[in-house]
Amino acid sequence: MDKLIHLSSKNHSIIIKVDLIPEIIHWGGKINEIDSDLLFAIERPISQARLDIDVPLSLCPELGRGHFNAPGIEGHRYGSDWAPVFHIVDQQADSKSVQITLRDEVAQLELLVELHIDHDSDVVKKRITVTNKGESEYYLGKLSSTLPLPNHANELMTFHGRWCQEFQTQRQPLEHGGFMQQNRRGRTSHENFPGLFMGEHGFSEQLGQVWGFHLGWSGNHELRADVRSDGRRFVQAGELLFSGECILGTNETYQSPWLYGCYSSNGLNGISERFHHYVRQHIISFPTDKPRPVHLNTWEGIYFDHKPEYIMQMATEAAEMGVERFIIDDGWFVGRHDDKAALGDWYLDEEKYPEGLEPVIAHVNDKGMEFGLWVEPEMVSKDSNLYRNHPEWMLGLEGYHQPSGRWQHVLDLQNPECFQYLFDRLNNLLTRYNITYLKWDMNRELVQPGHHGRPAVHGQTKALYALVDQLLAQHPSVEIESCSSGGGRIDFEILKRTHRFWASDCNDALERQTIQRGMSYFFPPEVMGAHIGPAECHSTNRQHHINLRGVTALSGHMGVELDPVKESAEEKAAFSHYIALHKKYRHLLHSGRSFRMDVADKNQYVYGVQGEDETIVTVCQLAMPSYALPSPLRMTCVDANAKYEVKLVEMPKASFQLMKQAPKWLDQTLTLTGNNLREIGLILPILDPESALIVSLKKI
């Protein structure tokens, strides 16, 4: 069995055959012991009218070996060495990880394949490093991580979206051919989140074998799922490199982003549980004993109209509602009266704040709240002192007209003077003022992103990471939100150095239900920024009752995005109610096991969080119910052997239009066994469209 490497976690196994090249022969359920005859049992026949050799589906498939689907590596050396064939020269392995070195002596290339499985979460991560061992330059076009799947993984679930409508899902069968998405926008993007699922036909939230994948990278990417003509299939993901973007000199290396994956035998909930556990243990850096503060962000309340006295009045009313962190958004710096000017000039506007920012911060702190500030360091307005003094700092290609986006352009972070200027300005702000939180925005895609004429998305992304890392090294207690016109930069790699995401610029609670559901497949609730907006949503002009807005925001890292001074006493009392409800369940929401439930009504979302002693279940009616009566909701999230107190936590106070009589249990506390809850269930009231309720199941 020397040809087999067995990696194992708490629940899963990966078995790798190492002969000339490494090949995964199993990734799924736990294998307790490898049988001595296994290699004979899995030997493949060779089909007629094919090559006379068996072609393994390796961890880096090679065109030169006869892999006719997407290869794992592409490149050339002035037109030669374009079809390399690698062989194993070294391997180091233990029960949790393997590092395999492969070499092609003809092409003078070396690969290092790293594969790790986390014991507790069962999450796998993989990356590849290529080194140019030749004396001439090697033009790398692609280096992607490949992971194989069994033939019964024949259904694909992917993500698409746009501004204000991120994390939309779609499904398709995958019996022949393949699927590919490419992102060239220079950020993770709203349109093409770098994640997908493949599973057996009909996999659902709670049922079916499914494999999940996410590429941890904040720049361009390519993600694909291919089926070979022999039925074998694989997922492949990596950075999308522009022509000439990666040229390796002698002994220079390129390292692919980490590809994260996991397997579940109990549907998408199993995938989410594993990804969430991994993110909490290995990605997020956040004090475990600190609750996530409830926010108020000023953006939709005042936009660019900054008056210190009025902002302090907003802060006073925010504190009275229970807000714990007050954030001044765009419009605080010199010359910023609209979105057409001043980006890059990160100095306080003394006309707006004649006494400085200190009195506002002191007032916020006196009210018991932390203070946060909005910045957009990667951007520059042409109407700014920075651009007038340093037009050469703009990212672009000489000789071309660079189109603006939101009236702004991108700074070249690989320019050392530009990088240092940005660090100095941000460092000055954090040193001078008592700022505990930065909302770090990025509101523009990259067009012709050139540095000294060469494509620069890879370098720009790495420089962004370096800038944030350097700033946090100087100010380790500061928290940073990753915002990019909402959810345009959401991925594991940026989360390693930030603390939460602004999930979307859309505060429409109905849209947010779908956005947050899609995001929940990969990210736990505590990193998902979710705010209560005004009754009339600024991005859709749709109106929602506070019930739907409050319940929707309650499910993530909660905040409020409006002007409390202009809200009625009734609305403010409702905000206080939902903030208090969030605080009551905050620890459970931000540490428990999140799940989604399969339900008969296609216009209903049911989801929740399970803790050791209590589970809360949210039922959201998106549109008219599919049926006149709701079916019993079987609570598969509870322990069959335990007893529970079941009670209603939250329900719309408005009259029900679709129901003459509500179930009597709504006004009671029921005692039910987990067995009854799982097998028989609970009859819910008929909910009006665009309303929600919350039920608590407390273990006795």
Foldseek 3Di string as FASTA:
>chain_A
DVQWDWAAAQFWIWIWGADFAIATPDTAGDDPDDDPCVVVVPDDDDDPPADPDDQGPGQFAFVLSPDPPDGQWAWAFVNHPGTFDWGWDDKDDDRFKIWTWIAGPVSQKIKIKIWGAYHPLRKIKIKMKMWRQDQGKIFTQHHKTKDWDDLQQFKKKFWAAAAQFALFIDMDGHQAFKDKDKDQQLFCFRGGNQKMKTFGPPFDQFAGKMKIKHFFATGIKMWMWHADPVRIIMIIMWHRADGQQDMHHNGRMDMTTMMMMHIDRTGLLSLLLSLAVCCVPPQADDPPPDFQFAEEEACAAQNQDAALVLLLVLLLLCLVLPGAEYEYEPNQCDPPNDLQAAAPRLHGHCVRVVVDCAVSQVSNVVSNHAYAYEHALFKHACRHPVCVVCVVQFFAAPPDDDDDDSRIGGGDLVPVVSVVSSLVSVLCVVVVYRHQEYEHEAAGTDDRGDDVRHHPSVVSRVSVVVSLVVNCVVVVRHAYEYYYQACTHDRSNVNSRHHAYRQHPWLPLLSLVSSVVSVSSNHAQARYQHEQEDQQTPVPRHGADVQSSLVSQLLHSYYYYHRPVPDDPVVSNSSSVSSVVSVVCSVQRRPFRKGWDDAPWPQKTWIWGDDPFKIKIKIARAAATPDLFGAFDQCPVDDQAFKWWKEWDDWDPDDAPSDPDFPPRNPDTDIDGNVCSRPPHHGGGRHHHSHMTMMMTGTD
